[in-house]
Amino acid sequence: MLEIPSIQVLHCSWKHHALLAEIGGNTFYETFANDNSEADMQEYIDKTYNLKQVAENLLNPSIIYFVAYGLNQVLGYIKLIENANAAGLNGKAMELEKIYVRKQAHGSQVASMLMQQAIDLAKEKGYEHLFLGVWQDNERALAFYKKFGFNIFNTRQFKLGERICDDYLLHRVI
């Protein structure tokens, strides 16, 4: 396992919008560029990770971001949505909408620390479920989520530019 000393998981506020836009766009590109067209990638990143959109997300009280900081940089982040709904899931739920880690930090404890932050927050806020969507072909992510007790409960489609992707919906009981 890659050792990264002194990783901190920090809650983000509006003042972090530029940092989150950068880490979000970069990690999404690192993760999916090899499987998608450049046009689809740029359309999605421009829509999802522009400064205005990220700033608006941070002003929404039901959206929560955390970053993992180490080696004098942000290594990964999570985006959580409170009181989220998903077909096939009953009870009070929080969505882990995004969890991404820079490639240089793959194999370290960064993703696990971010996941544990999400689980702990869901528990602290009294949620019954934590759920997420993951591309069905992302075997690395599926194996990671399984280690944290997530199970498939449904599917949905995700639009990436012009491409429609099939996602699994996974959840774990809190």
Protein backbone atom coordinates (compact mmCIF):
# COMPACT_ATOMS: atom_id res chain seq x y z
CA MET A 1 0.00 0.00 0.00
CA LEU A 2 1.24 3.48 -0.89
CA GLU A 3 2.04 5.43 2.27
CA ILE A 4 1.05 9.10 2.34
CA PRO A 5 1.89 10.73 5.66
CA SER A 6 -0.45 13.16 7.42
CA ILE A 7 -3.64 12.99 5.39
CA GLN A 8 -6.42 15.21 6.66
CA VAL A 9 -10.08 15.05 5.65
CA LEU A 10 -11.49 18.57 5.66
CA HIS A 11 -15.02 19.94 5.28
CA CYS A 12 -15.36 22.43 2.40
CA SER A 13 -17.13 25.78 2.28
CA TRP A 14 -17.95 28.21 -0.51
CA LYS A 15 -14.40 29.57 -0.49
CA HIS A 16 -13.18 26.18 -1.78
CA HIS A 17 -15.23 26.24 -5.01
CA ALA A 18 -12.22 26.79 -7.34
CA LEU A 19 -10.28 24.00 -5.64
CA LEU A 20 -13.24 21.61 -5.93
CA ALA A 21 -13.81 22.53 -9.59
CA GLU A 22 -10.16 21.73 -10.34
CA ILE A 23 -9.97 18.43 -8.42
CA GLY A 24 -13.39 17.37 -9.72
CA GLY A 25 -12.62 17.96 -13.38
CA ASN A 26 -9.13 16.48 -13.16
CA THR A 27 -10.05 13.31 -11.29
CA PHE A 28 -13.10 12.68 -13.48
CA TYR A 29 -10.91 13.04 -16.57
CA GLU A 30 -8.20 10.75 -15.13
CA THR A 31 -10.83 8.12 -14.30
CA PHE A 32 -12.88 8.03 -17.49
CA ALA A 33 -10.94 9.61 -20.41
CA ASN A 34 -9.74 6.26 -21.74
CA ASP A 35 -13.32 4.96 -22.03
CA ASN A 36 -15.02 8.00 -23.59
CA SER A 37 -14.64 10.47 -26.42
CA GLU A 38 -12.84 13.74 -25.77
CA ALA A 39 -15.99 15.65 -26.76
CA ASP A 40 -18.18 13.76 -24.27
CA MET A 41 -15.60 14.22 -21.51
CA GLN A 42 -15.25 17.96 -22.10
CA GLU A 43 -19.01 18.51 -22.33
CA TYR A 44 -19.58 16.76 -18.98
CA ILE A 45 -16.65 18.46 -17.22
CA ASP A 46 -17.62 21.90 -18.54
CA LYS A 47 -21.20 21.41 -17.30
CA THR A 48 -20.46 19.75 -13.96
CA TYR A 49 -17.19 21.26 -12.76
CA ASN A 50 -17.42 24.88 -13.85
CA LEU A 51 -16.82 27.47 -11.11
CA LYS A 52 -20.41 28.73 -11.10
CA GLN A 53 -21.93 25.24 -10.74
CA VAL A 54 -19.57 24.17 -7.96
CA ALA A 55 -20.13 27.47 -6.09
CA GLU A 56 -23.91 26.97 -6.35
CA ASN A 57 -23.55 23.42 -5.02
CA LEU A 58 -21.62 24.71 -2.03
CA LEU A 59 -24.37 27.21 -1.23
CA ASN A 60 -26.98 24.41 -1.22
CA PRO A 61 -27.39 23.29 2.43
CA SER A 62 -28.16 19.69 1.40
CA ILE A 63 -24.86 19.26 -0.51
CA ILE A 64 -21.69 18.56 1.48
CA TYR A 65 -18.11 18.30 0.23
CA PHE A 66 -14.99 16.99 1.93
CA VAL A 67 -11.44 16.85 0.57
CA ALA A 68 -8.49 14.67 1.52
CA TYR A 69 -5.38 16.79 1.85
CA GLY A 70 -1.82 15.49 1.96
CA LEU A 71 1.53 15.97 0.25
CA ASN A 72 0.69 19.70 0.14
CA GLN A 73 -2.24 19.15 -2.21
CA VAL A 74 -5.81 17.89 -2.45
CA LEU A 75 -5.65 14.18 -3.23
CA GLY A 76 -9.35 13.40 -3.47
CA TYR A 77 -12.85 14.49 -2.56
CA ILE A 78 -16.40 13.41 -1.87
CA LYS A 79 -19.74 15.06 -2.57
CA LEU A 80 -22.72 14.00 -0.46
CA ILE A 81 -26.41 14.85 -0.92
CA GLU A 82 -28.70 14.77 2.08
CA ASN A 83 -32.27 13.41 1.95
CA ALA A 84 -31.71 11.84 -1.46
CA ASN A 85 -34.10 9.43 -3.15
CA ALA A 86 -33.46 6.37 -5.27
CA ALA A 87 -35.97 3.97 -6.80
CA GLY A 88 -35.97 0.72 -4.84
CA LEU A 89 -34.56 2.18 -1.63
CA ASN A 90 -36.88 2.85 1.30
CA GLY A 91 -35.95 4.91 4.33
CA LYS A 92 -33.94 8.03 5.02
CA ALA A 93 -30.98 8.09 2.64
CA MET A 94 -27.86 10.10 1.88
CA GLU A 95 -26.24 9.84 -1.55
CA LEU A 96 -22.50 9.66 -2.00
CA GLU A 97 -22.71 11.31 -5.40
CA LYS A 98 -18.97 11.60 -6.00
CA ILE A 99 -15.86 10.01 -4.59
CA TYR A 100 -12.70 10.54 -6.61
CA VAL A 101 -9.01 10.27 -5.85
CA ARG A 102 -6.06 11.43 -7.95
CA LYS A 103 -4.29 8.53 -9.68
CA GLN A 104 -1.08 9.28 -7.77
CA ALA A 105 -2.98 8.43 -4.55
CA HIS A 106 -4.51 5.15 -5.79
CA GLY A 107 -3.45 2.34 -3.51
CA SER A 108 -3.13 4.65 -0.52
CA GLN A 109 -5.57 5.13 2.31
CA VAL A 110 -7.11 8.29 0.78
CA ALA A 111 -10.24 6.67 -0.72
CA SER A 112 -10.85 4.66 2.44
CA MET A 113 -10.58 7.76 4.60
CA LEU A 114 -13.05 9.62 2.39
CA MET A 115 -15.46 6.68 2.39
CA GLN A 116 -15.26 6.42 6.17
CA GLN A 117 -16.01 10.15 6.43
CA ALA A 118 -19.16 9.60 4.33
CA ILE A 119 -20.28 6.65 6.45
CA ASP A 120 -19.60 8.48 9.71
CA LEU A 121 -21.49 11.58 8.57
CA ALA A 122 -24.49 9.54 7.41
CA LYS A 123 -24.53 7.78 10.79
CA GLU A 124 -24.13 11.06 12.72
CA LYS A 125 -27.05 12.63 10.82
CA GLY A 126 -29.34 9.65 11.42
CA TYR A 127 -29.58 8.25 7.89
CA GLU A 128 -30.63 4.65 7.37
CA HIS A 129 -28.83 4.22 4.03
CA LEU A 130 -25.83 5.55 2.19
CA PHE A 131 -26.10 4.94 -1.54
CA LEU A 132 -24.17 5.67 -4.71
CA GLY A 133 -24.17 5.05 -8.44
CA VAL A 134 -21.23 3.43 -10.21
CA TRP A 135 -20.61 2.61 -13.87
CA GLN A 136 -21.20 -1.11 -14.33
CA ASP A 137 -17.81 -1.55 -16.06
CA ASN A 138 -15.82 0.10 -13.25
CA GLU A 139 -14.58 -3.10 -11.61
CA ARG A 140 -12.02 -1.32 -9.41
CA ALA A 141 -14.71 0.88 -7.86
CA LEU A 142 -17.15 -2.03 -7.48
CA ALA A 143 -14.54 -4.04 -5.56
CA PHE A 144 -13.78 -1.02 -3.34
CA TYR A 145 -17.46 -0.45 -2.50
CA LYS A 146 -17.98 -4.13 -1.74
CA LYS A 147 -15.20 -3.92 0.89
CA PHE A 148 -17.27 -1.25 2.63
CA GLY A 149 -20.44 -3.35 2.66
CA PHE A 150 -22.24 -1.85 -0.35
CA ASN A 151 -24.63 -4.06 -2.32
CA ILE A 152 -26.42 -3.56 -5.63
CA PHE A 153 -30.11 -2.71 -5.27
CA ASN A 154 -31.02 -1.19 -8.65
CA THR A 155 -29.69 0.30 -11.89
CA ARG A 156 -29.97 3.67 -13.60
CA GLN A 157 -28.64 5.42 -16.64
CA PHE A 158 -26.09 8.23 -16.58
CA LYS A 159 -25.59 10.64 -19.48
CA LEU A 160 -21.97 11.47 -20.27
CA GLY A 161 -22.06 13.88 -23.19
CA GLU A 162 -23.83 11.99 -25.96
CA ARG A 163 -23.17 8.60 -24.36
CA ILE A 164 -25.65 6.80 -22.11
CA CYS A 165 -23.90 4.69 -19.45
CA ASP A 166 -25.47 1.96 -17.36
CA ASP A 167 -24.83 2.35 -13.64
CA TYR A 168 -25.45 0.11 -10.69
CA LEU A 169 -27.00 1.68 -7.62
CA LEU A 170 -25.36 0.36 -4.46
CA HIS A 171 -26.20 0.98 -0.84
CA ARG A 172 -25.21 0.03 2.64
CA VAL A 173 -27.30 0.13 5.75
CA ILE A 174 -26.01 2.65 8.26
